[in-house]
């Protein structure tokens, strides 16, 4: 990239000097790439810059090769604030720099105003050069004063914004500190931001049970009331069974298990069980008529593009992959749509105090599930503040002390 100045580079007889200039060259290449983006050939831009600098040098000898390369040949020169400008031209597009042109036009307009004032003050439209230069200097002084005022205003505005931001940060920090100092609203543990980890995990278990019941109802319980009750019964039984099994395994391991660990194990077990249920639901919807139709449409569309592949087998494999993706995307959409419809149709606890079929089924399930031993279970009481979860809660999982 230093071919245009090879004669100057050849005069660098010390290895340390060449390494120093090489570092400067790498820095300039990084500057060009950062300003113009990775799509611009930074080495090409730097070569063109060196050619211009060498042309400007003309027949004058370069007495200080290092100083000339580092101080004159390699640095970018621009009058405007655009970092892509070099000698009045854009490094990325090689076009004239618009910002520099604006500065030139501003200067011409300023000289035109000074010329008009200078000729107006004299009779006959004559131009007195000293008067014109004095008027032009006065115009420049006014422009510089106005620019200084604008800069001071910008500095004051920035300082005002920084003060406001500092006040907002201090206010948020104070609010966060006061929130962290709140005691748990369930168990009363101090400095837990209103809800300790154990109670949060217990509440999350109930939310996960409610989500699992919703998934089961919209997937397998839409055939009638009996199907709904069966889906609610089976799902809540499986979810709570998985939670109880995880808690029992943790307590059987021994080692001084604390209540927080028990609650965390229950939440993780509920999350795993819900994930498995969601995968089963997606597999169910993936072979419904809508998903099957989407699969066949995408498969046929991709097979019409088989000429883009090397063989029919590759085309069929690509079409199968795209069709399966479309199938399961449709299954996701069907599941989400049914869940939204179910939750939108469910009356809130405040709006309807009478228990619906959902609450009645949950109550039946709670009566059928046998309570676990108190010393080997975790409390998963369902909070009444979540109307989106299934009505009622199970008391079959009691708390465990530390």
Protein backbone atom coordinates (compact mmCIF):
# COMPACT_ATOMS: atom_id res chain seq x y z
CA UNK A 1 0.00 0.00 0.00
CA UNK A 2 3.06 2.28 0.32
CA UNK A 3 4.01 1.88 -3.35
CA UNK A 4 3.40 5.59 -4.18
CA UNK A 5 6.01 6.62 -1.58
CA UNK A 6 8.38 3.72 -2.04
CA UNK A 7 11.31 6.09 -2.52
CA UNK A 8 10.60 7.79 0.80
CA UNK A 9 10.03 4.46 2.55
CA UNK A 10 13.37 3.19 1.23
CA UNK A 11 15.15 5.99 3.05
CA UNK A 12 14.08 4.57 6.42
CA UNK A 13 17.23 2.70 7.28
CA UNK A 14 16.41 1.73 10.89
CA UNK A 15 14.20 -1.21 11.83
CA UNK A 16 12.67 0.64 14.78
CA UNK A 17 11.75 3.56 12.54
CA UNK A 18 10.07 1.26 10.04
CA UNK A 19 8.11 -0.42 12.82
CA UNK A 20 6.94 2.97 14.09
CA UNK A 21 5.77 4.07 10.63
CA UNK A 22 4.09 0.70 10.14
CA UNK A 23 2.10 1.21 13.34
CA UNK A 24 1.01 4.64 12.11
CA UNK A 25 -0.07 3.12 8.80
CA UNK A 26 -2.12 0.45 10.59
CA UNK A 27 -3.75 3.13 12.72
CA UNK A 28 -4.71 5.13 9.62
CA UNK A 29 -6.16 2.00 7.99
CA UNK A 30 -8.26 1.39 11.12
CA UNK A 31 -9.41 5.00 11.04
CA UNK A 32 -10.53 4.67 7.42
CA UNK A 33 -12.34 1.37 8.08
CA UNK A 34 -14.07 2.80 11.15
CA UNK A 35 -15.25 5.89 9.25
CA UNK A 36 -16.27 4.26 5.96
CA UNK A 37 -17.25 0.75 7.05
CA UNK A 38 -15.94 -2.70 6.13
CA UNK A 39 -17.18 -2.42 2.55
CA UNK A 40 -14.53 0.17 1.63
CA UNK A 41 -11.02 -0.86 0.59
CA UNK A 42 -8.97 1.02 3.19
CA UNK A 43 -5.67 0.25 1.45
CA UNK A 44 -6.97 1.74 -1.80
CA UNK A 45 -8.03 4.91 0.02
CA UNK A 46 -4.63 5.21 1.68
CA UNK A 47 -2.77 4.71 -1.62
CA UNK A 48 -4.80 7.47 -3.27
CA UNK A 49 -4.08 9.75 -0.32
CA UNK A 50 -0.34 9.13 -0.61
CA UNK A 51 -0.45 9.85 -4.34
CA UNK A 52 -2.12 13.21 -3.71
CA UNK A 53 0.39 14.13 -1.01
CA UNK A 54 3.30 13.19 -3.26
CA UNK A 55 1.83 15.24 -6.13
CA UNK A 56 1.48 18.24 -3.82
CA UNK A 57 5.09 17.85 -2.77
CA UNK A 58 6.17 18.30 -6.40
CA UNK A 59 9.87 18.67 -6.98
CA UNK A 60 10.65 19.79 -3.45
CA UNK A 61 12.90 17.27 -1.72
CA UNK A 62 11.71 15.39 1.37
CA UNK A 63 14.36 16.21 3.96
CA UNK A 64 12.71 14.34 6.86
CA UNK A 65 11.19 11.05 5.63
CA UNK A 66 9.65 10.05 8.97
CA UNK A 67 8.23 13.49 9.69
CA UNK A 68 6.85 13.80 6.16
CA UNK A 69 5.19 10.40 6.24
CA UNK A 70 3.73 10.70 9.72
CA UNK A 71 2.92 14.41 9.66
CA UNK A 72 1.88 15.14 6.07
CA UNK A 73 1.38 12.04 3.92
CA UNK A 74 -0.59 9.71 6.17
CA UNK A 75 -2.97 11.98 8.20
CA UNK A 76 -6.44 12.79 6.92
CA UNK A 77 -7.09 16.44 6.04
CA UNK A 78 -10.60 17.85 6.25
CA UNK A 79 -12.16 21.20 7.04
CA UNK A 80 -15.62 19.77 7.74
CA UNK A 81 -16.66 17.54 10.68
CA UNK A 82 -17.45 14.56 8.41
CA UNK A 83 -15.00 11.77 9.29
CA UNK A 84 -15.36 10.33 5.77
CA UNK A 85 -13.95 13.48 4.16
CA UNK A 86 -10.35 13.74 2.98
CA UNK A 87 -9.15 16.75 0.98
CA UNK A 88 -12.74 17.75 0.23
CA UNK A 89 -13.79 14.36 -1.17
CA UNK A 90 -15.56 11.38 0.34
CA UNK A 91 -13.27 8.40 0.89
CA UNK A 92 -16.07 5.86 0.41
CA UNK A 93 -17.75 7.24 -2.73
CA UNK A 94 -14.96 9.46 -4.16
CA UNK A 95 -17.58 12.18 -4.62
CA UNK A 96 -17.27 15.78 -3.50
CA UNK A 97 -17.92 16.22 0.21
CA UNK A 98 -21.30 17.89 0.74
CA UNK A 99 -20.26 19.29 4.11
CA UNK A 100 -17.21 20.99 2.58
CA UNK A 101 -19.38 22.40 -0.21
CA UNK A 102 -21.72 23.85 2.39
CA UNK A 103 -18.77 25.52 4.10
CA UNK A 104 -17.64 26.92 0.75
CA UNK A 105 -21.12 28.25 0.00
CA UNK A 106 -21.32 29.82 3.45
CA UNK A 107 -18.01 31.57 2.83
CA UNK A 108 -19.16 32.81 -0.56
CA UNK A 109 -22.41 34.10 0.91
CA UNK A 110 -20.45 35.92 3.60
CA UNK A 111 -18.17 37.56 1.03
CA UNK A 112 -21.20 38.52 -1.06
CA UNK A 113 -22.79 40.28 1.90
CA UNK A 114 -19.53 42.06 2.70
CA UNK A 115 -19.17 43.13 -0.98
CA UNK A 116 -22.74 44.43 -1.07
CA UNK A 117 -22.20 46.52 2.05
CA UNK A 118 -18.86 47.82 0.81
CA UNK A 119 -20.24 48.92 -2.60
CA UNK A 120 -23.37 50.41 -1.04
CA UNK A 121 -21.31 52.68 1.19
CA UNK A 122 -19.48 54.16 -1.81
CA UNK A 123 -20.88 56.23 -4.62
CA UNK A 124 -20.96 54.95 -8.17
CA UNK A 125 -20.71 51.28 -7.20
CA UNK A 126 -16.95 51.51 -6.86
CA UNK A 127 -15.17 48.94 -4.73
CA UNK A 128 -12.52 50.06 -2.31
CA UNK A 129 -10.46 47.04 -1.36
CA UNK A 130 -9.58 48.21 2.19
CA UNK A 131 -13.26 48.95 2.88
CA UNK A 132 -14.26 45.55 1.49
CA UNK A 133 -11.65 43.73 3.56
CA UNK A 134 -12.69 45.64 6.69
CA UNK A 135 -16.35 44.78 6.09
CA UNK A 136 -15.48 41.13 5.39
CA UNK A 137 -13.45 40.99 8.60
CA UNK A 138 -16.39 42.45 10.51
CA UNK A 139 -18.70 39.81 9.02
CA UNK A 140 -16.30 37.07 10.05
CA UNK A 141 -16.11 38.51 13.56
CA UNK A 142 -19.91 38.53 13.84
CA UNK A 143 -20.11 34.97 12.59
CA UNK A 144 -17.44 33.89 15.06
CA UNK A 145 -19.24 35.65 17.91
CA UNK A 146 -22.54 34.00 16.99
CA UNK A 147 -20.82 30.62 16.78
CA UNK A 148 -19.24 31.14 20.20
CA UNK A 149 -22.65 32.01 21.66
CA UNK A 150 -24.18 28.89 20.13
CA UNK A 151 -21.38 26.76 21.54
CA UNK A 152 -21.87 28.22 25.02
CA UNK A 153 -25.59 27.54 24.79
CA UNK A 154 -24.91 23.97 23.70
CA UNK A 155 -22.53 23.51 26.64
CA UNK A 156 -25.11 24.89 29.08
CA UNK A 157 -27.82 22.65 27.63
CA UNK A 158 -25.55 19.62 27.89
CA UNK A 159 -24.69 20.45 31.49
CA UNK A 160 -28.39 20.91 32.29
CA UNK A 161 -29.18 17.52 30.75
CA UNK A 162 -26.36 15.90 32.70
CA UNK A 163 -27.70 17.40 35.94
CA UNK A 164 -31.18 16.08 35.16
CA UNK A 165 -29.75 12.64 34.36
CA UNK A 166 -27.76 12.65 37.59
CA UNK A 167 -30.89 13.55 39.56
CA UNK A 168 -32.85 10.81 37.83
CA UNK A 169 -30.13 8.26 38.54
CA UNK A 170 -30.03 9.29 42.19
CA UNK A 171 -33.82 9.08 42.39
CA UNK A 172 -33.87 5.62 40.82
CA UNK A 173 -31.10 4.48 43.15
CA UNK A 174 -33.06 5.74 46.17
CA UNK A 175 -36.23 4.03 44.92
CA UNK A 176 -34.34 0.79 44.36
CA UNK A 177 -32.79 0.98 47.82
CA UNK A 178 -36.19 1.55 49.42
CA UNK A 179 -37.68 -1.30 47.36
CA UNK A 180 -34.89 -3.66 48.38
CA UNK A 181 -35.52 -2.77 52.05
CA UNK A 182 -39.14 -3.99 51.89
CA UNK A 183 -40.04 -7.18 53.72
CA UNK A 184 -41.61 -10.14 51.98
CA UNK A 185 -45.36 -9.68 51.76
CA UNK A 186 -45.94 -13.43 52.18
CA UNK A 187 -43.58 -14.64 54.90
CA UNK A 188 -42.33 -11.32 56.31
CA UNK A 189 -38.62 -11.91 55.68
CA UNK A 190 -36.87 -8.51 55.84
CA UNK A 191 -35.01 -6.82 52.99
CA UNK A 192 -36.34 -8.97 50.17
CA UNK A 193 -37.80 -6.28 47.86
CA UNK A 194 -41.33 -7.36 48.74
CA UNK A 195 -40.93 -11.03 47.85
CA UNK A 196 -38.23 -13.45 48.98
CA UNK A 197 -36.75 -16.10 46.74
CA UNK A 198 -38.62 -18.95 48.38
CA UNK A 199 -42.03 -17.30 48.08
CA UNK A 200 -41.26 -16.21 44.54
CA UNK A 201 -40.44 -19.77 43.53
CA UNK A 202 -43.56 -21.10 45.26
CA UNK A 203 -45.70 -18.55 43.46
CA UNK A 204 -44.02 -19.38 40.18
CA UNK A 205 -44.85 -23.06 40.68
CA UNK A 206 -48.52 -22.17 40.85
CA UNK A 207 -48.25 -20.00 37.75
CA UNK A 208 -46.58 -22.85 35.87
CA UNK A 209 -49.31 -25.26 36.96
CA UNK A 210 -51.91 -22.82 35.67
CA UNK A 211 -50.08 -22.42 32.35
CA UNK A 212 -49.83 -26.19 31.98
CA UNK A 213 -53.54 -26.62 32.62
CA UNK A 214 -54.31 -23.97 30.00
CA UNK A 215 -52.12 -25.75 27.45
CA UNK A 216 -53.78 -29.09 28.17
CA UNK A 217 -57.30 -27.65 27.98
CA UNK A 218 -56.80 -25.95 24.60
CA UNK A 219 -55.03 -29.03 23.22
CA UNK A 220 -57.00 -32.03 24.49
CA UNK A 221 -59.96 -30.57 26.37
CA UNK A 222 -61.96 -28.82 23.64
CA UNK A 223 -64.21 -31.77 22.85
CA UNK A 224 -66.66 -31.16 25.70
CA UNK A 225 -67.01 -30.71 29.43
CA UNK A 226 -65.83 -34.23 30.22
CA UNK A 227 -62.69 -33.75 28.12
CA UNK A 228 -61.98 -30.47 29.87
CA UNK A 229 -62.33 -31.94 33.34
CA UNK A 230 -60.13 -34.87 32.37
CA UNK A 231 -57.45 -32.57 30.94
CA UNK A 232 -57.47 -30.41 34.07
CA UNK A 233 -57.32 -33.46 36.34
CA UNK A 234 -54.52 -35.22 34.50
CA UNK A 235 -52.37 -32.13 33.96
CA UNK A 236 -52.52 -30.82 37.51
CA UNK A 237 -51.90 -34.30 38.84
CA UNK A 238 -48.85 -34.74 36.60
CA UNK A 239 -47.47 -31.29 37.36
CA UNK A 240 -47.80 -31.63 41.11
CA UNK A 241 -46.56 -35.19 40.97
CA UNK A 242 -43.40 -34.04 39.21
CA UNK A 243 -42.94 -31.28 41.80
CA UNK A 244 -43.44 -33.67 44.71
CA UNK A 245 -41.04 -36.19 43.19
CA UNK A 246 -38.33 -33.55 42.73
CA UNK A 247 -38.77 -32.34 46.30
CA UNK A 248 -38.69 -35.91 47.62
CA UNK A 249 -35.49 -36.67 45.68
CA UNK A 250 -33.85 -33.54 47.04
CA UNK A 251 -34.81 -34.30 50.64
CA UNK A 252 -33.73 -37.90 50.28
CA UNK A 253 -30.27 -36.74 49.26
CA UNK A 254 -29.88 -35.12 52.68
CA UNK A 255 -27.12 -32.62 53.38
CA UNK A 256 -29.08 -30.01 55.31
CA UNK A 257 -31.53 -28.94 52.64
CA UNK A 258 -33.02 -25.50 53.29
CA UNK A 259 -36.48 -24.31 52.34
CA UNK A 260 -35.12 -22.05 49.57
CA UNK A 261 -33.49 -25.05 47.88
CA UNK A 262 -36.71 -27.04 48.13
CA UNK A 263 -38.71 -24.21 46.54
CA UNK A 264 -36.13 -23.84 43.76
CA UNK A 265 -36.21 -27.57 43.03
CA UNK A 266 -39.99 -27.42 42.84
CA UNK A 267 -39.89 -24.52 40.37
CA UNK A 268 -37.32 -26.21 38.14
CA UNK A 269 -39.33 -29.42 38.10
CA UNK A 270 -42.47 -27.51 37.18
CA UNK A 271 -40.64 -25.73 34.36
CA UNK A 272 -39.34 -29.01 32.95
CA UNK A 273 -42.76 -30.61 33.15
CA UNK A 274 -44.39 -27.62 31.44
CA UNK A 275 -41.77 -27.71 28.67
CA UNK A 276 -42.48 -31.38 28.00
CA UNK A 277 -46.23 -30.70 27.94
CA UNK A 278 -45.77 -27.84 25.47
CA UNK A 279 -43.73 -30.05 23.17
CA UNK A 280 -46.49 -32.67 23.22
CA UNK A 281 -49.07 -30.00 22.46
CA UNK A 282 -47.03 -28.70 19.52
CA UNK A 283 -46.68 -32.22 18.14
CA UNK A 284 -50.45 -32.56 18.42
CA UNK A 285 -51.15 -29.33 16.54
CA UNK A 286 -48.43 -30.05 13.98
CA UNK A 287 -50.61 -32.75 12.42
CA UNK A 288 -53.88 -30.86 12.47
CA UNK A 289 -55.43 -30.00 9.08
CA UNK A 290 -54.18 -26.41 9.06
CA UNK A 291 -50.58 -27.36 9.81
CA UNK A 292 -50.73 -30.26 7.35
CA UNK A 293 -52.03 -27.94 4.61
CA UNK A 294 -49.22 -25.49 5.31
CA UNK A 295 -46.72 -28.34 5.16
CA UNK A 296 -47.99 -29.52 1.76
CA UNK A 297 -48.08 -25.98 0.34
CA UNK A 298 -44.52 -25.17 1.35
CA UNK A 299 -43.26 -28.57 0.21
CA UNK A 300 -44.83 -28.10 -3.24
CA UNK A 301 -43.45 -24.56 -3.49
CA UNK A 302 -39.93 -25.68 -2.64
CA UNK A 303 -40.08 -28.62 -5.06
CA UNK A 304 -40.94 -26.21 -7.88
CA UNK A 305 -37.50 -24.73 -7.23
CA UNK A 306 -35.72 -28.07 -7.46
CA UNK A 307 -33.70 -26.82 -10.42
CA UNK A 308 -31.69 -24.71 -7.97
CA UNK A 309 -30.25 -27.84 -6.35
CA UNK A 310 -27.69 -30.30 -7.65
CA UNK A 311 -30.00 -33.28 -7.47
CA UNK A 312 -33.60 -34.25 -6.82
CA UNK A 313 -32.62 -35.81 -3.49
CA UNK A 314 -31.10 -32.55 -2.27
CA UNK A 315 -34.14 -30.63 -3.47
CA UNK A 316 -36.48 -33.01 -1.64
CA UNK A 317 -34.39 -32.77 1.53
CA UNK A 318 -34.47 -28.96 1.43
CA UNK A 319 -38.20 -28.95 0.72
CA UNK A 320 -38.83 -31.35 3.61
CA UNK A 321 -36.88 -29.15 6.00
CA UNK A 322 -38.71 -25.99 4.93
CA UNK A 323 -42.08 -27.75 5.09
CA UNK A 324 -41.42 -29.10 8.59
CA UNK A 325 -40.43 -25.61 9.74
CA UNK A 326 -43.66 -24.22 8.32
CA UNK A 327 -45.64 -27.04 9.96
CA UNK A 328 -44.34 -26.30 13.44
CA UNK A 329 -44.61 -22.53 12.96
CA UNK A 330 -48.28 -23.09 12.21
CA UNK A 331 -48.55 -25.32 15.28
CA UNK A 332 -47.06 -22.55 17.43
CA UNK A 333 -49.55 -20.07 15.98
CA UNK A 334 -52.51 -22.39 16.61
CA UNK A 335 -51.47 -23.03 20.21
CA UNK A 336 -50.89 -19.33 20.94
CA UNK A 337 -54.21 -18.35 19.37
CA UNK A 338 -56.17 -20.86 21.43
CA UNK A 339 -54.39 -19.80 24.62
CA UNK A 340 -55.22 -16.15 23.97
CA UNK A 341 -58.85 -17.02 23.29
CA UNK A 342 -59.12 -19.10 26.47
CA UNK A 343 -57.55 -16.46 28.70
CA UNK A 344 -59.55 -13.63 27.14
CA UNK A 345 -62.83 -15.49 27.73
CA UNK A 346 -62.00 -16.31 31.36
CA UNK A 347 -63.72 -13.89 33.77
CA UNK A 348 -61.56 -12.28 36.42
CA UNK A 349 -62.02 -13.06 40.09
CA UNK A 350 -63.27 -9.54 40.79
CA UNK A 351 -65.79 -9.55 37.95
CA UNK A 352 -67.30 -12.97 38.71
CA UNK A 353 -67.40 -14.30 42.25
CA UNK A 354 -69.25 -17.48 41.19
CA UNK A 355 -66.91 -20.42 40.45
CA UNK A 356 -66.94 -21.58 36.83
CA UNK A 357 -66.26 -25.05 35.45
CA UNK A 358 -62.55 -24.38 35.63
CA UNK A 359 -62.60 -23.59 39.36
CA UNK A 360 -64.93 -26.50 40.07
CA UNK A 361 -62.63 -28.91 38.21
CA UNK A 362 -59.60 -27.60 40.09
CA UNK A 363 -61.44 -28.10 43.38
CA UNK A 364 -62.25 -31.69 42.42
CA UNK A 365 -58.61 -32.33 41.57
CA UNK A 366 -57.43 -30.93 44.87
CA UNK A 367 -59.76 -33.29 46.65
CA UNK A 368 -58.45 -36.29 44.74
CA UNK A 369 -54.73 -35.62 45.21
CA UNK A 370 -53.39 -37.16 48.40
CA UNK A 371 -51.40 -34.71 50.51
CA UNK A 372 -47.67 -35.33 50.74
CA UNK A 373 -45.95 -35.83 54.13
CA UNK A 374 -45.43 -32.43 55.75
CA UNK A 375 -41.72 -32.98 56.40
CA UNK A 376 -40.95 -33.79 52.73
CA UNK A 377 -42.90 -31.18 50.79
CA UNK A 378 -42.70 -27.56 49.85
CA UNK A 379 -45.43 -24.98 50.15
CA UNK A 380 -46.93 -24.07 46.79
CA UNK A 381 -49.93 -22.11 47.92
CA UNK A 382 -51.63 -20.39 45.01
CA UNK A 383 -51.79 -16.61 45.54
CA UNK A 384 -55.19 -15.02 44.86
CA UNK A 385 -53.52 -12.05 43.08
CA UNK A 386 -53.13 -13.93 39.78
CA UNK A 387 -56.51 -14.20 38.06
CA UNK A 388 -54.88 -15.68 34.95
CA UNK A 389 -53.92 -18.88 36.74
CA UNK A 390 -56.41 -21.68 37.47
CA UNK A 391 -58.78 -20.89 40.26
CA UNK A 392 -58.06 -22.31 43.64
CA UNK A 393 -54.85 -23.80 45.00
CA UNK A 394 -53.62 -27.08 46.36
CA UNK A 395 -52.86 -27.46 49.99
CA UNK A 396 -51.30 -30.86 49.43
CA UNK A 397 -47.77 -29.44 49.49
CA UNK A 398 -46.94 -28.02 52.87
CA UNK A 399 -43.90 -25.96 53.89
CA UNK A 400 -40.61 -27.35 55.05
CA UNK A 401 -38.53 -25.62 57.64
CA UNK A 402 -34.88 -24.88 57.14
